Amino acid sequence: MEQAYSILHNHLTIPYWLSLLALFLFVFAVWKVVAKKKWTQSFLISLFVTYIFFILLITLIARTPADARKAELIPFWSWYEVIVNHSTSLAVEIGLNVVLFVPVGILSRLQNIGVKRVLLFSLCLSLCIEVTQYFTCRGLCEIFDDVIHNTVGACIGWVVCDRIVPLIKKRYRKALNLLERTIKKHSAKRKPM
């Protein structure tokens, strides 16, 4: 928790935030102008690419390298620490690892990307981050725990969005139908002279 707070508040300085904004605008312009995509699609793709870069900022770029490589290769060691040793800091870190990838699932679902592809993408992205952390000495490499938590987070985001989007569309359709009926009713009452 302290590490996440430190990275977000101390290491992600204004140049990092400006680089996120610049990346978003650049990707949006490319998708809108060059690829001639719709506004919504360009916005979602730009948001997706920018969020992936944000994940890389938090997990790799903004971290200060340590003196030595650190790795934890025992599966579910963090859960053991939480359950047996009551480590609340690790419980929070597990939660943050899950939450970090929830937007990946949401943004993927909004672009109609299937859950299998989201699962594979988040697994590969997380695995690449962990391996890079090991070789660059930028954090604890947790090949199993972090990869599983991140992948679960992306799948949770996808499933939640998959359940919510149809409800929103259903409500939106009802509102449009009501508006259409109201317009027809008022135009039927006013007969032309």
N, C-alpha and C. Protein backbone atom coordinates (compact mmCIF):
# COMPACT_ATOMS: atom_id res chain seq x y z
N MET A 1 0.84 -1.20 0.00
CA MET A 1 0.00 0.00 0.00
C MET A 1 0.88 1.25 0.00
N GLU A 2 1.87 1.23 0.87
CA GLU A 2 2.76 2.39 0.94
C GLU A 2 3.48 2.60 -0.39
N GLN A 3 3.87 1.47 -1.03
CA GLN A 3 4.58 1.57 -2.30
C GLN A 3 3.66 2.16 -3.37
N ALA A 4 2.41 1.72 -3.42
CA ALA A 4 1.45 2.26 -4.40
C ALA A 4 1.22 3.74 -4.15
N TYR A 5 1.04 4.12 -2.88
CA TYR A 5 0.84 5.53 -2.53
C TYR A 5 2.05 6.35 -2.92
N SER A 6 3.22 5.82 -2.62
CA SER A 6 4.46 6.53 -2.94
C SER A 6 4.60 6.74 -4.44
N ILE A 7 4.31 5.71 -5.22
CA ILE A 7 4.44 5.83 -6.67
C ILE A 7 3.45 6.83 -7.22
N LEU A 8 2.19 6.75 -6.77
CA LEU A 8 1.17 7.66 -7.30
C LEU A 8 1.40 9.11 -6.91
N HIS A 9 1.85 9.35 -5.70
CA HIS A 9 1.96 10.73 -5.21
C HIS A 9 3.35 11.33 -5.32
N ASN A 10 4.38 10.52 -5.25
CA ASN A 10 5.73 11.07 -5.27
C ASN A 10 6.45 10.89 -6.60
N HIS A 11 6.21 9.76 -7.26
CA HIS A 11 6.97 9.46 -8.46
C HIS A 11 6.26 9.89 -9.74
N LEU A 12 4.94 9.82 -9.76
CA LEU A 12 4.22 10.24 -10.96
C LEU A 12 4.06 11.76 -10.94
N THR A 13 5.06 12.41 -11.42
CA THR A 13 5.09 13.87 -11.41
C THR A 13 4.33 14.42 -12.62
N ILE A 14 4.27 15.72 -12.72
CA ILE A 14 3.52 16.38 -13.80
C ILE A 14 3.98 15.92 -15.19
N PRO A 15 5.28 15.76 -15.44
CA PRO A 15 5.66 15.26 -16.78
C PRO A 15 5.03 13.90 -17.12
N TYR A 16 4.90 13.01 -16.14
CA TYR A 16 4.26 11.73 -16.39
C TYR A 16 2.79 11.91 -16.76
N TRP A 17 2.09 12.77 -16.01
CA TRP A 17 0.67 13.00 -16.30
C TRP A 17 0.50 13.67 -17.66
N LEU A 18 1.40 14.59 -17.99
CA LEU A 18 1.34 15.23 -19.30
C LEU A 18 1.63 14.22 -20.42
N SER A 19 2.52 13.29 -20.15
CA SER A 19 2.80 12.26 -21.16
C SER A 19 1.58 11.37 -21.37
N LEU A 20 0.83 11.10 -20.31
CA LEU A 20 -0.41 10.32 -20.46
C LEU A 20 -1.42 11.08 -21.32
N LEU A 21 -1.56 12.37 -21.05
CA LEU A 21 -2.48 13.19 -21.84
C LEU A 21 -2.05 13.27 -23.29
N ALA A 22 -0.75 13.47 -23.52
CA ALA A 22 -0.23 13.55 -24.88
C ALA A 22 -0.44 12.23 -25.62
N LEU A 23 -0.21 11.12 -24.94
CA LEU A 23 -0.42 9.81 -25.56
C LEU A 23 -1.89 9.62 -25.93
N PHE A 24 -2.79 9.99 -25.02
CA PHE A 24 -4.22 9.88 -25.29
C PHE A 24 -4.60 10.69 -26.54
N LEU A 25 -4.16 11.94 -26.59
CA LEU A 25 -4.50 12.81 -27.72
C LEU A 25 -3.89 12.30 -29.03
N PHE A 26 -2.66 11.80 -28.95
CA PHE A 26 -2.00 11.27 -30.14
C PHE A 26 -2.75 10.05 -30.69
N VAL A 27 -3.05 9.10 -29.82
CA VAL A 27 -3.75 7.88 -30.25
C VAL A 27 -5.14 8.24 -30.77
N PHE A 28 -5.81 9.17 -30.10
CA PHE A 28 -7.14 9.59 -30.55
C PHE A 28 -7.06 10.19 -31.95
N ALA A 29 -6.09 11.07 -32.16
CA ALA A 29 -5.94 11.71 -33.47
C ALA A 29 -5.63 10.68 -34.55
N VAL A 30 -4.77 9.74 -34.24
CA VAL A 30 -4.43 8.70 -35.22
C VAL A 30 -5.66 7.88 -35.58
N TRP A 31 -6.40 7.44 -34.58
CA TRP A 31 -7.57 6.60 -34.85
C TRP A 31 -8.69 7.39 -35.51
N LYS A 32 -8.84 8.63 -35.15
CA LYS A 32 -9.94 9.43 -35.71
C LYS A 32 -9.61 9.94 -37.11
N VAL A 33 -8.43 10.51 -37.28
CA VAL A 33 -8.08 11.15 -38.55
C VAL A 33 -7.49 10.15 -39.55
N VAL A 34 -6.49 9.41 -39.14
CA VAL A 34 -5.80 8.52 -40.06
C VAL A 34 -6.63 7.25 -40.34
N ALA A 35 -7.06 6.59 -39.27
CA ALA A 35 -7.81 5.34 -39.45
C ALA A 35 -9.29 5.59 -39.74
N LYS A 36 -9.74 6.84 -39.58
CA LYS A 36 -11.12 7.25 -39.86
C LYS A 36 -12.15 6.40 -39.11
N LYS A 37 -11.91 6.23 -37.83
CA LYS A 37 -12.84 5.49 -36.97
C LYS A 37 -13.84 6.46 -36.37
N LYS A 38 -14.91 5.90 -35.83
CA LYS A 38 -15.93 6.73 -35.18
C LYS A 38 -15.36 7.35 -33.91
N TRP A 39 -16.02 8.43 -33.44
CA TRP A 39 -15.57 9.13 -32.23
C TRP A 39 -15.51 8.19 -31.04
N THR A 40 -16.56 7.41 -30.86
CA THR A 40 -16.63 6.51 -29.70
C THR A 40 -15.52 5.48 -29.74
N GLN A 41 -15.32 4.87 -30.89
CA GLN A 41 -14.28 3.86 -31.03
C GLN A 41 -12.90 4.47 -30.82
N SER A 42 -12.67 5.64 -31.39
CA SER A 42 -11.37 6.32 -31.21
C SER A 42 -11.13 6.65 -29.74
N PHE A 43 -12.19 7.11 -29.06
CA PHE A 43 -12.06 7.45 -27.64
C PHE A 43 -11.73 6.21 -26.81
N LEU A 44 -12.44 5.10 -27.05
CA LEU A 44 -12.21 3.88 -26.27
C LEU A 44 -10.82 3.31 -26.51
N ILE A 45 -10.38 3.30 -27.75
CA ILE A 45 -9.05 2.78 -28.05
C ILE A 45 -7.99 3.67 -27.42
N SER A 46 -8.17 4.98 -27.49
CA SER A 46 -7.22 5.92 -26.88
C SER A 46 -7.16 5.73 -25.37
N LEU A 47 -8.31 5.56 -24.76
CA LEU A 47 -8.38 5.33 -23.32
C LEU A 47 -7.69 4.03 -22.95
N PHE A 48 -7.92 2.99 -23.75
CA PHE A 48 -7.31 1.68 -23.49
C PHE A 48 -5.79 1.76 -23.56
N VAL A 49 -5.26 2.35 -24.63
CA VAL A 49 -3.81 2.46 -24.80
C VAL A 49 -3.20 3.32 -23.69
N THR A 50 -3.86 4.40 -23.35
CA THR A 50 -3.37 5.28 -22.28
C THR A 50 -3.38 4.57 -20.94
N TYR A 51 -4.40 3.77 -20.68
CA TYR A 51 -4.45 3.05 -19.40
C TYR A 51 -3.36 1.98 -19.32
N ILE A 52 -3.08 1.32 -20.44
CA ILE A 52 -1.99 0.33 -20.45
C ILE A 52 -0.67 1.05 -20.14
N PHE A 53 -0.47 2.21 -20.73
CA PHE A 53 0.75 2.99 -20.44
C PHE A 53 0.78 3.40 -18.97
N PHE A 54 -0.39 3.75 -18.41
CA PHE A 54 -0.48 4.10 -16.99
C PHE A 54 -0.06 2.91 -16.12
N ILE A 55 -0.49 1.71 -16.48
CA ILE A 55 -0.09 0.51 -15.74
C ILE A 55 1.43 0.35 -15.81
N LEU A 56 1.99 0.56 -16.99
CA LEU A 56 3.45 0.45 -17.14
C LEU A 56 4.18 1.53 -16.33
N LEU A 57 3.60 2.72 -16.25
CA LEU A 57 4.19 3.77 -15.42
C LEU A 57 4.26 3.34 -13.96
N ILE A 58 3.14 2.83 -13.46
CA ILE A 58 3.07 2.47 -12.04
C ILE A 58 3.96 1.27 -11.72
N THR A 59 3.95 0.28 -12.61
CA THR A 59 4.64 -0.96 -12.29
C THR A 59 6.12 -0.99 -12.69
N LEU A 60 6.50 -0.13 -13.64
CA LEU A 60 7.88 -0.19 -14.12
C LEU A 60 8.57 1.17 -14.21
N ILE A 61 8.04 2.04 -15.03
CA ILE A 61 8.75 3.26 -15.41
C ILE A 61 9.03 4.19 -14.23
N ALA A 62 8.03 4.41 -13.38
CA ALA A 62 8.18 5.37 -12.28
C ALA A 62 8.86 4.76 -11.05
N ARG A 63 9.17 3.50 -11.10
CA ARG A 63 9.82 2.86 -9.94
C ARG A 63 11.33 3.06 -9.98
N THR A 64 11.87 3.25 -8.82
CA THR A 64 13.32 3.37 -8.69
C THR A 64 13.92 1.98 -8.62
N PRO A 65 14.94 1.69 -9.43
CA PRO A 65 15.55 0.36 -9.38
C PRO A 65 16.20 0.08 -8.03
N ALA A 66 16.10 -1.17 -7.60
CA ALA A 66 16.73 -1.61 -6.35
C ALA A 66 18.16 -2.09 -6.66
N ASP A 67 18.86 -2.49 -5.60
CA ASP A 67 20.23 -2.97 -5.77
C ASP A 67 20.30 -4.39 -6.28
N ALA A 68 19.25 -5.18 -5.99
CA ALA A 68 19.29 -6.59 -6.38
C ALA A 68 17.93 -7.02 -6.93
N ARG A 69 17.95 -8.10 -7.68
CA ARG A 69 16.71 -8.67 -8.20
C ARG A 69 16.00 -9.41 -7.07
N LYS A 70 14.66 -9.27 -7.06
CA LYS A 70 13.87 -9.97 -6.06
C LYS A 70 12.76 -10.75 -6.76
N ALA A 71 12.56 -11.99 -6.34
CA ALA A 71 11.51 -12.80 -6.94
C ALA A 71 10.87 -13.69 -5.87
N GLU A 72 9.60 -13.92 -6.04
CA GLU A 72 8.85 -14.84 -5.18
C GLU A 72 8.15 -15.82 -6.12
N LEU A 73 8.65 -17.05 -6.15
CA LEU A 73 8.17 -18.03 -7.12
C LEU A 73 7.23 -19.08 -6.51
N ILE A 74 6.86 -18.91 -5.27
CA ILE A 74 5.93 -19.85 -4.63
C ILE A 74 4.50 -19.39 -4.92
N PRO A 75 3.69 -20.25 -5.55
CA PRO A 75 2.31 -19.85 -5.85
C PRO A 75 1.51 -19.59 -4.57
N PHE A 76 0.74 -18.54 -4.60
CA PHE A 76 -0.18 -18.14 -3.52
C PHE A 76 0.52 -17.88 -2.19
N TRP A 77 1.77 -17.47 -2.24
CA TRP A 77 2.48 -17.13 -1.01
C TRP A 77 1.83 -15.94 -0.32
N SER A 78 1.32 -15.00 -1.10
CA SER A 78 0.70 -13.81 -0.50
C SER A 78 -0.59 -14.17 0.23
N TRP A 79 -1.35 -15.12 -0.33
CA TRP A 79 -2.57 -15.57 0.35
C TRP A 79 -2.23 -16.30 1.65
N TYR A 80 -1.15 -17.06 1.63
CA TYR A 80 -0.70 -17.73 2.85
C TYR A 80 -0.38 -16.69 3.93
N GLU A 81 0.35 -15.64 3.53
CA GLU A 81 0.70 -14.58 4.49
C GLU A 81 -0.55 -13.88 5.02
N VAL A 82 -1.53 -13.66 4.16
CA VAL A 82 -2.76 -12.99 4.59
C VAL A 82 -3.56 -13.88 5.53
N ILE A 83 -3.73 -15.15 5.17
CA ILE A 83 -4.58 -16.05 5.96
C ILE A 83 -3.89 -16.50 7.25
N VAL A 84 -2.65 -16.92 7.15
CA VAL A 84 -1.96 -17.48 8.33
C VAL A 84 -1.36 -16.39 9.20
N ASN A 85 -0.68 -15.43 8.60
CA ASN A 85 0.01 -14.40 9.38
C ASN A 85 -0.77 -13.09 9.49
N HIS A 86 -1.96 -13.06 8.94
CA HIS A 86 -2.86 -11.89 9.03
C HIS A 86 -2.21 -10.60 8.54
N SER A 87 -1.52 -10.70 7.41
CA SER A 87 -0.85 -9.53 6.84
C SER A 87 -1.86 -8.65 6.11
N THR A 88 -2.22 -7.55 6.75
CA THR A 88 -3.20 -6.65 6.12
C THR A 88 -2.58 -5.87 4.95
N SER A 89 -1.29 -5.59 5.04
CA SER A 89 -0.65 -4.86 3.93
C SER A 89 -0.64 -5.70 2.66
N LEU A 90 -0.42 -7.00 2.80
CA LEU A 90 -0.47 -7.87 1.62
C LEU A 90 -1.90 -8.05 1.12
N ALA A 91 -2.86 -8.05 2.02
CA ALA A 91 -4.27 -8.14 1.61
C ALA A 91 -4.64 -6.92 0.77
N VAL A 92 -4.19 -5.76 1.20
CA VAL A 92 -4.45 -4.53 0.44
C VAL A 92 -3.73 -4.58 -0.90
N GLU A 93 -2.51 -5.08 -0.91
CA GLU A 93 -1.75 -5.19 -2.16
C GLU A 93 -2.41 -6.15 -3.14
N ILE A 94 -2.97 -7.25 -2.64
CA ILE A 94 -3.71 -8.18 -3.50
C ILE A 94 -4.90 -7.46 -4.11
N GLY A 95 -5.63 -6.74 -3.27
CA GLY A 95 -6.79 -5.99 -3.75
C GLY A 95 -6.40 -4.96 -4.80
N LEU A 96 -5.29 -4.26 -4.57
CA LEU A 96 -4.84 -3.26 -5.55
C LEU A 96 -4.42 -3.89 -6.87
N ASN A 97 -3.79 -5.07 -6.79
CA ASN A 97 -3.41 -5.78 -8.01
C ASN A 97 -4.64 -6.20 -8.82
N VAL A 98 -5.69 -6.60 -8.14
CA VAL A 98 -6.93 -6.96 -8.83
C VAL A 98 -7.56 -5.71 -9.44
N VAL A 99 -7.69 -4.65 -8.63
CA VAL A 99 -8.34 -3.42 -9.07
C VAL A 99 -7.58 -2.75 -10.22
N LEU A 100 -6.26 -2.87 -10.23
CA LEU A 100 -5.44 -2.24 -11.27
C LEU A 100 -5.84 -2.71 -12.67
N PHE A 101 -6.24 -3.96 -12.80
CA PHE A 101 -6.57 -4.49 -14.12
C PHE A 101 -8.07 -4.51 -14.42
N VAL A 102 -8.92 -4.12 -13.49
CA VAL A 102 -10.37 -4.07 -13.76
C VAL A 102 -10.69 -3.16 -14.95
N PRO A 103 -10.11 -1.96 -15.06
CA PRO A 103 -10.39 -1.13 -16.24
C PRO A 103 -9.98 -1.77 -17.56
N VAL A 104 -8.96 -2.64 -17.55
CA VAL A 104 -8.57 -3.34 -18.77
C VAL A 104 -9.73 -4.20 -19.26
N GLY A 105 -10.38 -4.90 -18.33
CA GLY A 105 -11.53 -5.72 -18.68
C GLY A 105 -12.71 -4.89 -19.14
N ILE A 106 -12.97 -3.79 -18.44
CA ILE A 106 -14.10 -2.92 -18.80
C ILE A 106 -13.90 -2.33 -20.19
N LEU A 107 -12.73 -1.76 -20.44
CA LEU A 107 -12.45 -1.13 -21.73
C LEU A 107 -12.44 -2.17 -22.86
N SER A 108 -11.99 -3.37 -22.55
CA SER A 108 -12.01 -4.44 -23.56
C SER A 108 -13.44 -4.82 -23.91
N ARG A 109 -14.28 -4.96 -22.90
CA ARG A 109 -15.69 -5.32 -23.14
C ARG A 109 -16.41 -4.24 -23.92
N LEU A 110 -16.12 -2.99 -23.63
CA LEU A 110 -16.75 -1.89 -24.36
C LEU A 110 -16.36 -1.88 -25.83
N GLN A 111 -15.22 -2.49 -26.14
CA GLN A 111 -14.78 -2.59 -27.54
C GLN A 111 -15.17 -3.94 -28.15
N ASN A 112 -16.02 -4.68 -27.45
CA ASN A 112 -16.51 -5.99 -27.92
C ASN A 112 -15.39 -7.01 -28.10
N ILE A 113 -14.40 -6.96 -27.24
CA ILE A 113 -13.34 -7.97 -27.24
C ILE A 113 -13.81 -9.10 -26.33
N GLY A 114 -13.67 -10.32 -26.78
CA GLY A 114 -14.14 -11.48 -26.03
C GLY A 114 -13.34 -11.72 -24.75
N VAL A 115 -13.97 -12.43 -23.83
CA VAL A 115 -13.36 -12.67 -22.53
C VAL A 115 -12.09 -13.53 -22.64
N LYS A 116 -12.05 -14.44 -23.60
CA LYS A 116 -10.84 -15.27 -23.77
C LYS A 116 -9.65 -14.43 -24.18
N ARG A 117 -9.88 -13.47 -25.07
CA ARG A 117 -8.79 -12.58 -25.49
C ARG A 117 -8.36 -11.67 -24.35
N VAL A 118 -9.31 -11.22 -23.56
CA VAL A 118 -8.98 -10.38 -22.39
C VAL A 118 -8.15 -11.18 -21.40
N LEU A 119 -8.55 -12.41 -21.19
CA LEU A 119 -7.81 -13.30 -20.28
C LEU A 119 -6.38 -13.47 -20.77
N LEU A 120 -6.22 -13.78 -22.04
CA LEU A 120 -4.89 -13.99 -22.61
C LEU A 120 -4.06 -12.71 -22.60
N PHE A 121 -4.68 -11.58 -22.98
CA PHE A 121 -3.96 -10.31 -23.02
C PHE A 121 -3.49 -9.90 -21.62
N SER A 122 -4.39 -9.96 -20.64
CA SER A 122 -4.01 -9.54 -19.28
C SER A 122 -2.98 -10.49 -18.68
N LEU A 123 -3.07 -11.77 -19.00
CA LEU A 123 -2.09 -12.73 -18.52
C LEU A 123 -0.71 -12.42 -19.11
N CYS A 124 -0.66 -12.18 -20.42
CA CYS A 124 0.62 -11.88 -21.08
C CYS A 124 1.19 -10.53 -20.62
N LEU A 125 0.34 -9.51 -20.52
CA LEU A 125 0.81 -8.20 -20.06
C LEU A 125 1.37 -8.29 -18.66
N SER A 126 0.66 -8.95 -17.78
CA SER A 126 1.11 -9.07 -16.39
C SER A 126 2.40 -9.88 -16.30
N LEU A 127 2.47 -10.94 -17.07
CA LEU A 127 3.69 -11.77 -17.08
C LEU A 127 4.89 -10.96 -17.59
N CYS A 128 4.67 -10.18 -18.64
CA CYS A 128 5.76 -9.32 -19.17
C CYS A 128 6.21 -8.29 -18.13
N ILE A 129 5.25 -7.73 -17.41
CA ILE A 129 5.59 -6.76 -16.37
C ILE A 129 6.43 -7.41 -15.28
N GLU A 130 6.02 -8.59 -14.84
CA GLU A 130 6.75 -9.28 -13.77
C GLU A 130 8.16 -9.66 -14.20
N VAL A 131 8.31 -10.16 -15.41
CA VAL A 131 9.64 -10.53 -15.90
C VAL A 131 10.52 -9.28 -16.04
N THR A 132 9.93 -8.20 -16.55
CA THR A 132 10.68 -6.95 -16.68
C THR A 132 11.07 -6.40 -15.31
N GLN A 133 10.17 -6.51 -14.33
CA GLN A 133 10.51 -6.08 -12.97
C GLN A 133 11.71 -6.85 -12.45
N TYR A 134 11.77 -8.13 -12.75
CA TYR A 134 12.89 -8.95 -12.27
C TYR A 134 14.20 -8.50 -12.91
N PHE A 135 14.21 -8.37 -14.23
CA PHE A 135 15.46 -8.05 -14.92
C PHE A 135 15.90 -6.60 -14.74
N THR A 136 14.97 -5.69 -14.45
CA THR A 136 15.35 -4.29 -14.24
C THR A 136 15.45 -3.92 -12.76
N CYS A 137 15.22 -4.88 -11.88
CA CYS A 137 15.27 -4.68 -10.42
C CYS A 137 14.26 -3.62 -9.96
N ARG A 138 13.10 -3.58 -10.59
CA ARG A 138 12.07 -2.58 -10.27
C ARG A 138 10.87 -3.24 -9.61
N GLY A 139 11.08 -3.82 -8.46
CA GLY A 139 9.98 -4.43 -7.72
C GLY A 139 10.17 -5.92 -7.55
N LEU A 140 9.25 -6.50 -6.81
CA LEU A 140 9.27 -7.93 -6.53
C LEU A 140 8.59 -8.67 -7.67
N CYS A 141 9.30 -9.57 -8.30
CA CYS A 141 8.76 -10.38 -9.38
C CYS A 141 7.94 -11.52 -8.77
N GLU A 142 6.63 -11.48 -9.01
CA GLU A 142 5.74 -12.53 -8.50
C GLU A 142 5.07 -13.17 -9.70
N ILE A 143 5.73 -14.17 -10.26
CA ILE A 143 5.26 -14.80 -11.49
C ILE A 143 3.85 -15.38 -11.32
N PHE A 144 3.54 -15.90 -10.16
CA PHE A 144 2.24 -16.53 -9.99
C PHE A 144 1.20 -15.58 -9.40
N ASP A 145 1.45 -15.06 -8.23
CA ASP A 145 0.42 -14.30 -7.52
C ASP A 145 -0.03 -13.05 -8.27
N ASP A 146 0.89 -12.18 -8.64
CA ASP A 146 0.50 -10.94 -9.32
C ASP A 146 -0.16 -11.22 -10.67
N VAL A 147 0.36 -12.19 -11.39
CA VAL A 147 -0.21 -12.53 -12.70
C VAL A 147 -1.64 -13.02 -12.52
N ILE A 148 -1.87 -13.86 -11.54
CA ILE A 148 -3.22 -14.37 -11.27
C ILE A 148 -4.14 -13.24 -10.82
N HIS A 149 -3.68 -12.41 -9.90
CA HIS A 149 -4.52 -11.30 -9.40
C HIS A 149 -4.88 -10.33 -10.52
N ASN A 150 -3.90 -9.97 -11.35
CA ASN A 150 -4.16 -9.04 -12.45
C ASN A 150 -5.14 -9.63 -13.46
N THR A 151 -4.94 -10.90 -13.78
CA THR A 151 -5.82 -11.56 -14.75
C THR A 151 -7.24 -11.67 -14.20
N VAL A 152 -7.36 -11.99 -12.93
CA VAL A 152 -8.69 -12.05 -12.29
C VAL A 152 -9.33 -10.66 -12.33
N GLY A 153 -8.56 -9.62 -12.08
CA GLY A 153 -9.09 -8.25 -12.12
C GLY A 153 -9.64 -7.90 -13.49
N ALA A 154 -8.90 -8.24 -14.55
CA ALA A 154 -9.36 -7.96 -15.92
C ALA A 154 -10.65 -8.73 -16.22
N CYS A 155 -10.71 -9.99 -15.78
CA CYS A 155 -11.91 -10.80 -16.02
C CYS A 155 -13.10 -10.26 -15.22
N ILE A 156 -12.87 -9.81 -14.01
CA ILE A 156 -13.94 -9.20 -13.21
C ILE A 156 -14.48 -7.96 -13.92
N GLY A 157 -13.57 -7.11 -14.41
CA GLY A 157 -13.99 -5.92 -15.13
C GLY A 157 -14.81 -6.26 -16.36
N TRP A 158 -14.38 -7.28 -17.11
CA TRP A 158 -15.10 -7.69 -18.31
C TRP A 158 -16.50 -8.21 -17.96
N VAL A 159 -16.58 -9.07 -16.96
CA VAL A 159 -17.87 -9.67 -16.59
C VAL A 159 -18.83 -8.62 -16.04
N VAL A 160 -18.33 -7.72 -15.19
CA VAL A 160 -19.19 -6.67 -14.64
C VAL A 160 -19.71 -5.79 -15.77
N CYS A 161 -18.82 -5.40 -16.68
CA CYS A 161 -19.24 -4.56 -17.80
C CYS A 161 -20.21 -5.32 -18.70
N ASP A 162 -19.98 -6.61 -18.89
CA ASP A 162 -20.86 -7.42 -19.73
C ASP A 162 -22.27 -7.50 -19.14
N ARG A 163 -22.38 -7.45 -17.82
CA ARG A 163 -23.69 -7.50 -17.17
C ARG A 163 -24.36 -6.13 -17.14
N ILE A 164 -23.55 -5.06 -17.07
CA ILE A 164 -24.11 -3.71 -16.93
C ILE A 164 -24.49 -3.10 -18.27
N VAL A 165 -23.69 -3.32 -19.31
CA VAL A 165 -23.95 -2.70 -20.62
C VAL A 165 -25.34 -3.03 -21.15
N PRO A 166 -25.79 -4.30 -21.11
CA PRO A 166 -27.15 -4.57 -21.59
C PRO A 166 -28.23 -3.86 -20.77
N LEU A 167 -28.01 -3.71 -19.48
CA LEU A 167 -28.98 -2.99 -18.65
C LEU A 167 -29.06 -1.52 -19.05
N ILE A 168 -27.91 -0.92 -19.30
CA ILE A 168 -27.88 0.49 -19.71
C ILE A 168 -28.56 0.64 -21.08
N LYS A 169 -28.24 -0.27 -22.00
CA LYS A 169 -28.87 -0.21 -23.32
C LYS A 169 -30.38 -0.39 -23.21
N LYS A 170 -30.81 -1.28 -22.33
CA LYS A 170 -32.24 -1.51 -22.15
C LYS A 170 -32.93 -0.26 -21.62
N ARG A 171 -32.33 0.38 -20.65
CA ARG A 171 -32.90 1.62 -20.11
C ARG A 171 -32.88 2.73 -21.15
N TYR A 172 -31.81 2.80 -21.91
CA TYR A 172 -31.69 3.82 -22.94
C TYR A 172 -32.76 3.62 -24.00
N ARG A 173 -32.98 2.36 -24.40
CA ARG A 173 -34.01 2.06 -25.39
C ARG A 173 -35.39 2.45 -24.87
N LYS A 174 -35.67 2.17 -23.61
CA LYS A 174 -36.96 2.53 -23.03
C LYS A 174 -37.17 4.04 -23.07
N ALA A 175 -36.13 4.80 -22.75
CA ALA A 175 -36.24 6.25 -22.76
C ALA A 175 -36.47 6.76 -24.18
N LEU A 176 -35.78 6.18 -25.15
CA LEU A 176 -35.98 6.59 -26.54
C LEU A 176 -37.39 6.23 -27.02
N ASN A 177 -37.85 5.04 -26.68
CA ASN A 177 -39.21 4.64 -27.06
C ASN A 177 -40.25 5.57 -26.45
N LEU A 178 -40.06 5.93 -25.19
CA LEU A 178 -40.98 6.84 -24.51
C LEU A 178 -40.98 8.21 -25.19
N LEU A 179 -39.81 8.70 -25.52
CA LEU A 179 -39.70 9.98 -26.21
C LEU A 179 -40.37 9.93 -27.58
N GLU A 180 -40.16 8.85 -28.28
CA GLU A 180 -40.76 8.68 -29.61
C GLU A 180 -42.29 8.64 -29.51
N ARG A 181 -42.82 7.90 -28.53
CA ARG A 181 -44.27 7.83 -28.35
C ARG A 181 -44.84 9.19 -27.97
N THR A 182 -44.14 9.94 -27.14
CA THR A 182 -44.60 11.26 -26.73
C THR A 182 -44.66 12.20 -27.93
N ILE A 183 -43.66 12.15 -28.76
CA ILE A 183 -43.63 13.00 -29.96
C ILE A 183 -44.78 12.63 -30.89
N LYS A 184 -45.00 11.33 -31.08
CA LYS A 184 -46.10 10.89 -31.94
C LYS A 184 -47.45 11.32 -31.38
N LYS A 185 -47.61 11.21 -30.05
CA LYS A 185 -48.87 11.57 -29.41
C LYS A 185 -49.15 13.06 -29.60
N HIS A 186 -48.13 13.90 -29.38
CA HIS A 186 -48.31 15.35 -29.51
C HIS A 186 -48.53 15.75 -30.97
N SER A 187 -47.86 15.08 -31.89
CA SER A 187 -48.06 15.42 -33.30
C SER A 187 -49.43 14.94 -33.79
N ALA A 188 -49.96 13.87 -33.21
CA ALA A 188 -51.30 13.39 -33.58
C ALA A 188 -52.38 14.33 -33.06
N LYS A 189 -52.15 14.94 -31.90
CA LYS A 189 -53.13 15.88 -31.33
C LYS A 189 -53.20 17.15 -32.16
N ARG A 190 -52.05 17.59 -32.68
CA ARG A 190 -52.02 18.78 -33.52
C ARG A 190 -52.30 18.38 -34.96
N LYS A 191 -53.45 18.61 -35.40
CA LYS A 191 -53.78 18.29 -36.78
C LYS A 191 -53.55 19.55 -37.61
N PRO A 192 -52.99 19.36 -38.78
CA PRO A 192 -52.75 20.53 -39.64
C PRO A 192 -54.07 21.13 -40.10
N MET A 193 -54.07 22.42 -40.25
CA MET A 193 -55.29 23.12 -40.66
C MET A 193 -55.46 23.17 -42.12
